[in-house]
C-alpha atoms as a PDB file:
ATOM      1  CA  MET A   1      -0.093   0.219   0.055  1.00  0.00           C
ATOM      2  CA  GLN A   2       3.079   2.278   0.866  1.00  0.00           C
ATOM      3  CA  GLN A   3       3.787   2.425  -2.905  1.00  0.00           C
ATOM      4  CA  ILE A   4       0.799   4.789  -3.536  1.00  0.00           C
ATOM      5  CA  LEU A   5       1.843   6.853  -0.427  1.00  0.00           C
ATOM      6  CA  SER A   6       3.827   9.927  -0.697  1.00  0.00           C
ATOM      7  CA  SER A   7       6.996  10.563   1.093  1.00  0.00           C
ATOM      8  CA  GLY A   8       8.083  13.476   2.692  1.00  0.00           C
ATOM      9  CA  GLN A   9       4.869  13.968   4.047  1.00  0.00           C
ATOM     10  CA  LEU A  10       2.720  12.997   7.167  1.00  0.00           C
ATOM     11  CA  ALA A  11       1.548   9.407   6.830  1.00  0.00           C
ATOM     12  CA  GLY A  12      -1.472   8.503   4.961  1.00  0.00           C
ATOM     13  CA  HIS A  13      -0.891  10.994   1.994  1.00  0.00           C
ATOM     14  CA  TYR A  14      -1.033  10.029  -1.779  1.00  0.00           C
ATOM     15  CA  LYS A  15       1.374  10.380  -4.532  1.00  0.00           C
ATOM     16  CA  PRO A  16       0.160  12.883  -6.856  1.00  0.00           C
ATOM     17  CA  GLY A  17      -2.361  11.183  -9.452  1.00  0.00           C
ATOM     18  CA  TYR A  18      -3.384   8.387  -6.594  1.00  0.00           C
ATOM     19  CA  GLU A  19      -5.700  10.594  -4.846  1.00  0.00           C
ATOM     20  CA  ASN A  20      -8.656   8.480  -6.169  1.00  0.00           C
ATOM     21  CA  TYR A  21      -7.678   5.744  -4.049  1.00  0.00           C
ATOM     22  CA  GLY A  22      -8.989   7.553  -1.231  1.00  0.00           C
ATOM     23  CA  THR A  23     -12.810   7.773  -2.684  1.00  0.00           C
ATOM     24  CA  LEU A  24     -12.315   4.006  -3.264  1.00  0.00           C
ATOM     25  CA  PHE A  25     -11.233   2.943   0.185  1.00  0.00           C
ATOM     26  CA  LYS A  26     -13.895   5.733   1.557  1.00  0.00           C
ATOM     27  CA  LEU A  27     -16.850   3.953  -0.252  1.00  0.00           C
ATOM     28  CA  ILE A  28     -15.655   0.674   0.184  1.00  0.00           C
ATOM     29  CA  GLY A  29     -15.634   1.347   4.392  1.00  0.00           C
ATOM     30  CA  GLU A  30     -19.064   3.033   4.019  1.00  0.00           C
ATOM     31  CA  ILE A  31     -21.153   0.865   1.798  1.00  0.00           C
ATOM     32  CA  THR A  32     -22.522  -2.375   2.427  1.00  0.00           C
ATOM     33  CA  HIS A  33     -21.077  -5.296   0.493  1.00  0.00           C
ATOM     34  CA  ASN A  34     -19.906  -8.797   0.933  1.00  0.00           C
ATOM     35  CA  SER A  35     -16.547  -8.415   0.071  1.00  0.00           C
ATOM     36  CA  CYS A  36     -13.268  -8.166   2.323  1.00  0.00           C
ATOM     37  CA  LEU A  37     -10.554  -6.221   1.262  1.00  0.00           C
ATOM     38  CA  ILE A  38      -7.243  -6.408   3.085  1.00  0.00           C
ATOM     39  CA  LEU A  39      -4.588  -3.722   2.921  1.00  0.00           C
ATOM     40  CA  ASN A  40      -1.083  -4.175   4.218  1.00  0.00           C
ATOM     41  CA  SER A  41       1.283  -1.305   4.526  1.00  0.00           C
ATOM     42  CA  TRP A  42       3.676   0.438   6.226  1.00  0.00           C
ATOM     43  CA  GLU A  43       1.196   3.221   7.103  1.00  0.00           C
ATOM     44  CA  PRO A  44      -2.607   3.759   6.758  1.00  0.00           C
ATOM     45  CA  PRO A  45      -4.197   5.807   4.341  1.00  0.00           C
ATOM     46  CA  ARG A  46      -6.146   8.494   6.058  1.00  0.00           C
ATOM     47  CA  GLU A  47      -9.335   7.111   5.232  1.00  0.00           C
ATOM     48  CA  ILE A  48      -8.678   3.905   7.274  1.00  0.00           C
ATOM     49  CA  THR A  49      -8.021   5.634  10.368  1.00  0.00           C
ATOM     50  CA  ALA A  50     -11.066   8.093  10.124  1.00  0.00           C
ATOM     51  CA  LEU A  51     -13.335   5.142   9.298  1.00  0.00           C
ATOM     52  CA  LYS A  52     -12.128   2.175  11.977  1.00  0.00           C
ATOM     53  CA  GLY A  53     -13.933   1.739  15.092  1.00  0.00           C
ATOM     54  CA  GLU A  54     -15.027  -0.888  17.566  1.00  0.00           C
ATOM     55  CA  ASN A  55     -18.444  -1.292  15.818  1.00  0.00           C
ATOM     56  CA  SER A  56     -17.285  -0.241  12.511  1.00  0.00           C
ATOM     57  CA  PRO A  57     -16.417  -2.715   9.602  1.00  0.00           C
ATOM     58  CA  VAL A  58     -13.266  -1.047   9.203  1.00  0.00           C
ATOM     59  CA  CYS A  59     -10.535  -2.790  11.427  1.00  0.00           C
ATOM     60  CA  THR A  60      -6.751  -2.178  11.687  1.00  0.00           C
ATOM     61  CA  LEU A  61      -4.273  -4.611  12.806  1.00  0.00           C
ATOM     62  CA  GLN A  62      -0.682  -3.613  14.059  1.00  0.00           C
ATOM     63  CA  LEU A  63       1.515  -6.477  13.205  1.00  0.00           C
ATOM     64  CA  LYS A  64       3.563  -7.163  16.394  1.00  0.00           C
ATOM     65  CA  GLY A  65       6.329  -9.475  17.269  1.00  0.00           C
ATOM     66  CA  ILE A  66       6.461 -13.410  16.884  1.00  0.00           C
ATOM     67  CA  GLY A  67       7.632 -13.735  20.345  1.00  0.00           C
ATOM     68  CA  VAL A  68       8.693 -17.415  21.401  1.00  0.00           C
ATOM     69  CA  ALA A  69       8.077 -18.599  17.909  1.00  0.00           C
ATOM     70  CA  ALA A  70      11.138 -16.939  16.589  1.00  0.00           C
ATOM     71  CA  THR A  71      13.248 -19.986  18.406  1.00  0.00           C
ATOM     72  CA  GLU A  72      12.443 -21.964  15.278  1.00  0.00           C
ATOM     73  CA  ILE A  73      14.926 -19.438  13.495  1.00  0.00           C
ATOM     74  CA  PHE A  74      17.444 -19.888  16.134  1.00  0.00           C
ATOM     75  CA  ARG A  75      17.243 -23.610  15.278  1.00  0.00           C
ATOM     76  CA  GLN A  76      17.176 -23.260  11.768  1.00  0.00           C
ATOM     77  CA  LYS A  77      20.277 -21.101  12.048  1.00  0.00           C
ATOM     78  CA  SER A  78      21.930 -23.685  14.326  1.00  0.00           C
ATOM     79  CA  LEU A  79      21.993 -20.844  17.505  1.00  0.00           C
ATOM     80  CA  LEU A  80      23.497 -21.937  20.606  1.00  0.00           C
ATOM     81  CA  ASN A  81      22.716 -21.004  24.280  1.00  0.00           C
ATOM     82  CA  PRO A  82      18.864 -21.225  24.140  1.00  0.00           C
ATOM     83  CA  GLU A  83      18.727 -20.268  27.719  1.00  0.00           C
ATOM     84  CA  GLN A  84      19.496 -16.508  25.896  1.00  0.00           C
ATOM     85  CA  TRP A  85      17.591 -16.839  23.451  1.00  0.00           C
ATOM     86  CA  GLU A  86      14.822 -15.035  24.982  1.00  0.00           C
ATOM     87  CA  ASN A  87      16.991 -12.001  25.858  1.00  0.00           C
ATOM     88  CA  LEU A  88      17.511 -11.786  21.994  1.00  0.00           C
ATOM     89  CA  ILE A  89      14.170 -11.969  20.796  1.00  0.00           C
ATOM     90  CA  ASN A  90      13.268  -9.204  23.403  1.00  0.00           C
ATOM     91  CA  ALA A  91      15.999  -7.235  22.379  1.00  0.00           C
ATOM     92  CA  TYR A  92      14.947  -7.027  18.604  1.00  0.00           C
ATOM     93  CA  GLU A  93      11.283  -7.188  19.520  1.00  0.00           C
ATOM     94  CA  GLY A  94      10.461 -10.166  18.107  1.00  0.00           C
ATOM     95  CA  ASN A  95      10.809  -9.016  14.328  1.00  0.00           C
ATOM     96  CA  PRO A  96      11.246 -12.411  12.374  1.00  0.00           C
ATOM     97  CA  LEU A  97      13.251 -10.366   9.555  1.00  0.00           C
ATOM     98  CA  TRP A  98      15.587  -8.904  12.105  1.00  0.00           C
ATOM     99  CA  LEU A  99      16.056 -11.678  14.140  1.00  0.00           C
ATOM    100  CA  LYS A 100      17.221 -13.594  10.869  1.00  0.00           C
ATOM    101  CA  ILE A 101      19.812 -11.221  10.252  1.00  0.00           C
ATOM    102  CA  VAL A 102      20.995 -11.166  13.729  1.00  0.00           C
ATOM    103  CA  ALA A 103      21.319 -14.806  13.885  1.00  0.00           C
ATOM    104  CA  THR A 104      23.200 -14.907  10.780  1.00  0.00           C
ATOM    105  CA  THR A 105      26.186 -12.268  12.430  1.00  0.00           C
ATOM    106  CA  ILE A 106      25.973 -14.684  15.227  1.00  0.00           C
ATOM    107  CA  GLN A 107      26.741 -17.731  13.142  1.00  0.00           C
ATOM    108  CA  GLU A 108      29.317 -16.304  11.106  1.00  0.00           C
ATOM    109  CA  LEU A 109      30.969 -13.985  13.818  1.00  0.00           C
ATOM    110  CA  PHE A 110      30.443 -16.333  17.182  1.00  0.00           C
ATOM    111  CA  ARG A 111      29.653 -19.420  15.525  1.00  0.00           C
ATOM    112  CA  GLY A 112      26.115 -19.572  16.506  1.00  0.00           C
ATOM    113  CA  ARG A 113      26.884 -18.605  20.363  1.00  0.00           C
ATOM    114  CA  VAL A 114      24.439 -16.037  21.396  1.00  0.00           C
ATOM    115  CA  ALA A 115      25.720 -15.577  25.140  1.00  0.00           C
ATOM    116  CA  GLU A 116      29.196 -14.397  23.240  1.00  0.00           C
ATOM    117  CA  PHE A 117      27.336 -12.227  21.326  1.00  0.00           C
ATOM    118  CA  LEU A 118      25.381 -10.500  24.360  1.00  0.00           C
ATOM    119  CA  LYS A 119      27.891  -9.957  26.507  1.00  0.00           C
ATOM    120  CA  TYR A 120      28.877  -7.159  24.465  1.00  0.00           C
ATOM    121  CA  ASP A 121      25.578  -5.358  25.783  1.00  0.00           C
ATOM    122  CA  MET A 122      25.219  -3.523  22.230  1.00  0.00           C
ATOM    123  CA  LEU A 123      22.174  -3.403  19.766  1.00  0.00           C
ATOM    124  CA  PHE A 124      23.865  -4.721  16.827  1.00  0.00           C
ATOM    125  CA  LEU A 125      22.454  -3.444  13.486  1.00  0.00           C
ATOM    126  CA  GLY A 126      24.699  -3.900  10.765  1.00  0.00           C
ATOM    127  CA  GLU A 127      24.656  -2.869   7.177  1.00  0.00           C
ATOM    128  CA  GLU A 128      21.673  -5.301   6.185  1.00  0.00           C
ATOM    129  CA  LEU A 129      19.273  -4.667   8.984  1.00  0.00           C
ATOM    130  CA  ALA A 130      20.120  -1.039   8.709  1.00  0.00           C
ATOM    131  CA  ALA A 131      19.115  -1.189   5.082  1.00  0.00           C
ATOM    132  CA  THR A 132      15.704  -2.753   6.038  1.00  0.00           C
ATOM    133  CA  LEU A 133      14.934   0.528   7.997  1.00  0.00           C
ATOM    134  CA  HIS A 134      16.318   2.958   5.223  1.00  0.00           C
ATOM    135  CA  PRO A 135      13.315   3.277   3.177  1.00  0.00           C
ATOM    136  CA  GLN A 136      10.855   3.874   5.830  1.00  0.00           C
ATOM    137  CA  ILE A 137      12.730   6.436   7.734  1.00  0.00           C
ATOM    138  CA  ASN A 138      13.661   8.053   4.503  1.00  0.00           C
ATOM    139  CA  ARG A 139       9.637   8.758   3.697  1.00  0.00           C
ATOM    140  CA  LEU A 140       9.289  10.586   6.940  1.00  0.00           C
ATOM    141  CA  SER A 141       8.497  14.578   6.657  1.00  0.00           C
ATOM    142  CA  GLU A 142      10.841  17.111   8.118  1.00  0.00           C
ATOM    143  CA  LEU A 143       8.761  17.293  10.984  1.00  0.00           C
ATOM    144  CA  GLU A 144       8.637  13.806  12.269  1.00  0.00           C
ATOM    145  CA  LYS A 145      12.797  13.375  11.154  1.00  0.00           C
ATOM    146  CA  LYS A 146      13.230  16.550  14.084  1.00  0.00           C
ATOM    147  CA  LEU A 147      10.576  14.756  16.442  1.00  0.00           C
ATOM    148  CA  ILE A 148      12.621  11.187  16.211  1.00  0.00           C
ATOM    149  CA  SER A 149      16.373  12.907  16.382  1.00  0.00           C
ATOM    150  CA  GLN A 150      14.908  14.397  19.567  1.00  0.00           C
ATOM    151  CA  LEU A 151      13.614  11.110  21.319  1.00  0.00           C
ATOM    152  CA  SER A 152      16.770   9.501  20.107  1.00  0.00           C
ATOM    153  CA  ARG A 153      18.696  11.790  22.637  1.00  0.00           C
ATOM    154  CA  GLU A 154      16.274  11.273  25.452  1.00  0.00           C
ATOM    155  CA  ALA A 155      17.461   8.320  27.877  1.00  0.00           C
ATOM    156  CA  ASN A 156      13.954   7.626  29.147  1.00  0.00           C
ATOM    157  CA  PRO A 157      10.498   7.787  27.775  1.00  0.00           C
ATOM    158  CA  VAL A 158       9.308  11.780  27.738  1.00  0.00           C
ATOM    159  CA  SER A 159       5.941  13.343  28.144  1.00  0.00           C
ATOM    160  CA  ILE A 160       4.268  15.983  25.512  1.00  0.00           C
ATOM    161  CA  GLU A 161       5.036  18.560  28.076  1.00  0.00           C
ATOM    162  CA  GLN A 162       8.912  17.891  27.755  1.00  0.00           C
ATOM    163  CA  LEU A 163       8.842  17.205  24.269  1.00  0.00           C
ATOM    164  CA  LEU A 164       7.438  20.729  23.867  1.00  0.00           C
ATOM    165  CA  LYS A 165      10.040  22.343  25.406  1.00  0.00           C
ATOM    166  CA  ASP A 166      12.945  20.189  23.936  1.00  0.00           C
ATOM    167  CA  ALA A 167      11.763  19.940  20.182  1.00  0.00           C
ATOM    168  CA  GLU A 168      10.944  23.937  20.290  1.00  0.00           C
ATOM    169  CA  LEU A 169       7.832  22.834  18.346  1.00  0.00           C
ATOM    170  CA  SER A 170       4.165  23.915  18.769  1.00  0.00           C
ATOM    171  CA  PRO A 171       1.708  21.720  20.360  1.00  0.00           C
ATOM    172  CA  SER A 172      -0.479  21.474  16.847  1.00  0.00           C
ATOM    173  CA  GLU A 173       2.845  20.397  15.546  1.00  0.00           C
ATOM    174  CA  LEU A 174       3.939  18.000  17.977  1.00  0.00           C
ATOM    175  CA  PHE A 175       0.262  16.375  17.981  1.00  0.00           C
ATOM    176  CA  ASP A 176       0.510  16.100  14.123  1.00  0.00           C
ATOM    177  CA  GLY A 177       4.237  14.615  13.848  1.00  0.00           C
ATOM    178  CA  LEU A 178       3.630  12.444  17.080  1.00  0.00           C
ATOM    179  CA  GLN A 179       0.494  11.021  15.866  1.00  0.00           C
ATOM    180  CA  SER A 180       1.574  10.041  12.502  1.00  0.00           C
ATOM    181  CA  LEU A 181       4.899   8.305  13.464  1.00  0.00           C
ATOM    182  CA  GLY A 182       2.480   6.341  15.701  1.00  0.00           C
ATOM    183  CA  ARG A 183       0.436   5.464  12.663  1.00  0.00           C
ATOM    184  CA  ARG A 184       4.151   3.982  11.065  1.00  0.00           C
ATOM    185  CA  SER A 185       4.568   2.102  14.176  1.00  0.00           C
ATOM    186  CA  LEU A 186       8.056   4.128  14.902  1.00  0.00           C
ATOM    187  CA  VAL A 187       7.059   5.691  18.317  1.00  0.00           C
ATOM    188  CA  GLU A 188       5.868   3.251  21.539  1.00  0.00           C
ATOM    189  CA  THR A 189       3.832   4.602  24.323  1.00  0.00           C
ATOM    190  CA  GLU A 190       3.467   3.952  27.860  1.00  0.00           C
ATOM    191  CA  GLU A 191       1.446   5.208  30.938  1.00  0.00           C
ATOM    192  CA  GLU A 192       3.171   6.660  33.791  1.00  0.00           C
ATOM    193  CA  GLU A 193       0.841   8.234  36.957  1.00  0.00           C
ATOM    194  CA  ASN A 194      -1.962   9.206  34.118  1.00  0.00           C
ATOM    195  CA  GLU A 195       0.136  10.504  31.596  1.00  0.00           C
ATOM    196  CA  THR A 196       1.195   9.277  28.299  1.00  0.00           C
ATOM    197  CA  LEU A 197       5.247   9.009  27.911  1.00  0.00           C
ATOM    198  CA  PHE A 198       6.387   8.529  24.258  1.00  0.00           C
ATOM    199  CA  ASN A 199       9.823   6.534  23.078  1.00  0.00           C
ATOM    200  CA  LEU A 200      11.352   5.089  19.690  1.00  0.00           C
ATOM    201  CA  CYS A 201      11.672   1.253  19.835  1.00  0.00           C
ATOM    202  CA  PRO A 202      15.349   0.150  20.827  1.00  0.00           C
ATOM    203  CA  VAL A 203      16.066  -0.856  17.046  1.00  0.00           C
ATOM    204  CA  VAL A 204      14.862   2.538  15.468  1.00  0.00           C
ATOM    205  CA  ARG A 205      16.633   4.691  18.132  1.00  0.00           C
ATOM    206  CA  GLN A 206      19.929   3.007  17.314  1.00  0.00           C
ATOM    207  CA  TYR A 207      19.464   3.388  13.666  1.00  0.00           C
ATOM    208  CA  VAL A 208      18.782   7.028  13.894  1.00  0.00           C
ATOM    209  CA  ILE A 209      21.799   7.361  16.526  1.00  0.00           C
ATOM    210  CA  SER A 210      23.774   5.536  13.354  1.00  0.00           C
ATOM    211  CA  ASN A 211      22.309   7.441  10.988  1.00  0.00           C
ATOM    212  CA  PRO A 212      21.582  10.886  11.938  1.00  0.00           C
ATOM    213  CA  VAL A 213      18.354  11.939   9.595  1.00  0.00           C
ATOM    214  CA  ASN A 214      18.900  15.826  10.175  1.00  0.00           C
END
């Protein structure tokens, strides 16, 4: 789906000439019919986010990591130290592609010894894994790039109030940027004392630190 969506703008904008897809998706979501349309995308079209809801026929599913099922990847790669596999899965959030790339690195450099890899206490990306992130990060608007650069410098999850001070953005700019990054699954949220805090996932943070997006 992202192939018809524009880069350099907030999530969900169409490339010139593809705007009529928005009308099509809106009609499919509003008109009664017996068909089912499944869209797969890095970011949702704007019409989808507006139409989704608990009692709506339009639903969204954010794909998560595969969890302990990732151990099958490690078995296929003949990795050692199974007692450490869960730590490796958590570090890379269960993303099967990332774990396949890292497992290959562990096999090539450490002869499959996961414990030896983890003792360096670093989140290794390497060129191959970074290359999978580059197209998605490269799509971001200037506002989003400014925000993830700021978030990459924060040691802990931060509040909207703190981001307003540090990023020097207006509330409307900050809300737009955070909402768009959230729809791209690049920003994580957590609740603390009735306040929402924002953070980058560790792999994205490491990518931005190693490959500044300013």
